[in-house]
Amino acid sequence: MKVNVYSKDGTIAGNRKLSVSIFEQEVNEILVSEIVRAYMATARQGTASAKTRGEVRGGGRKPRRQKHTGMTRAGSIRSPIWKGGGVVFGPRPRDYSIDIPKKKKRLALLSSLSFMAKEGKVIIVDDISMEQSKTSIFYDMIKKLGFKDRTKLLFVLDKKDDNVYKSGRNIPGVNFTTSSGLNVLDILSANTVIFSIKGLDSLEERLG
């Protein structure tokens, strides 16, 4: 499978053959779905909490006599059926994270990259680096590459570049990652994955 290599000005500078072992693998949809759920579960904070009747304030004495009042019998004003009472079976702090075996994570990553490549959603830019952080310059590059506003783009670099990150972080839909930090959720959340030459080299070295 060959894809075009673009320059920053949007012109085609050449083409490159994608690695068969990374971009032409069988897409395992069930595995990818499992890994995506695991990533989303791990991202949950798990801090939601509600107080039980033993934790809410008050309720130290019986609110009224047991008999001869014409009202219901009640032992505490913090009963769950009273306003301001405790919550029955409410949320408690917990850890939602799911451990993912390395082999599964790798296979799901290859599946997602292969899916994007087969859909024609992988392109290469020869050089994404910038001499200074300038949003307008980065925005012009995206336009010259033929993308519309708010298109979800994932730029994959070989290493973190502050100038590139600062130039594109305020553009809606634009996200950045490195070849070592690339994951299934980031890939499938994007409409197009854009590799720099060095980013692709680094990825192929890591997974090839």
Foldseek 3Di string as FASTA:
>chain_A
DKAFAAELLQDTPGIDDADCLQQVDAADPVLLVVVLVQVVQQPDQQADDWFAQVPFDFFPAFPDDQDDPPDHGTGGCQHCVHVSHGDDPGRHRDGRHDDDDPVSQLVSNSNLNNVCVVVVQEYEYQDQADPAQAQVSNVSSCVSNPDDAQAQEEEEEQDDHPSSCNNHVPGHNYYYDYLVPDGSNSSVVHSHYYYHPRRSVNNVVVND
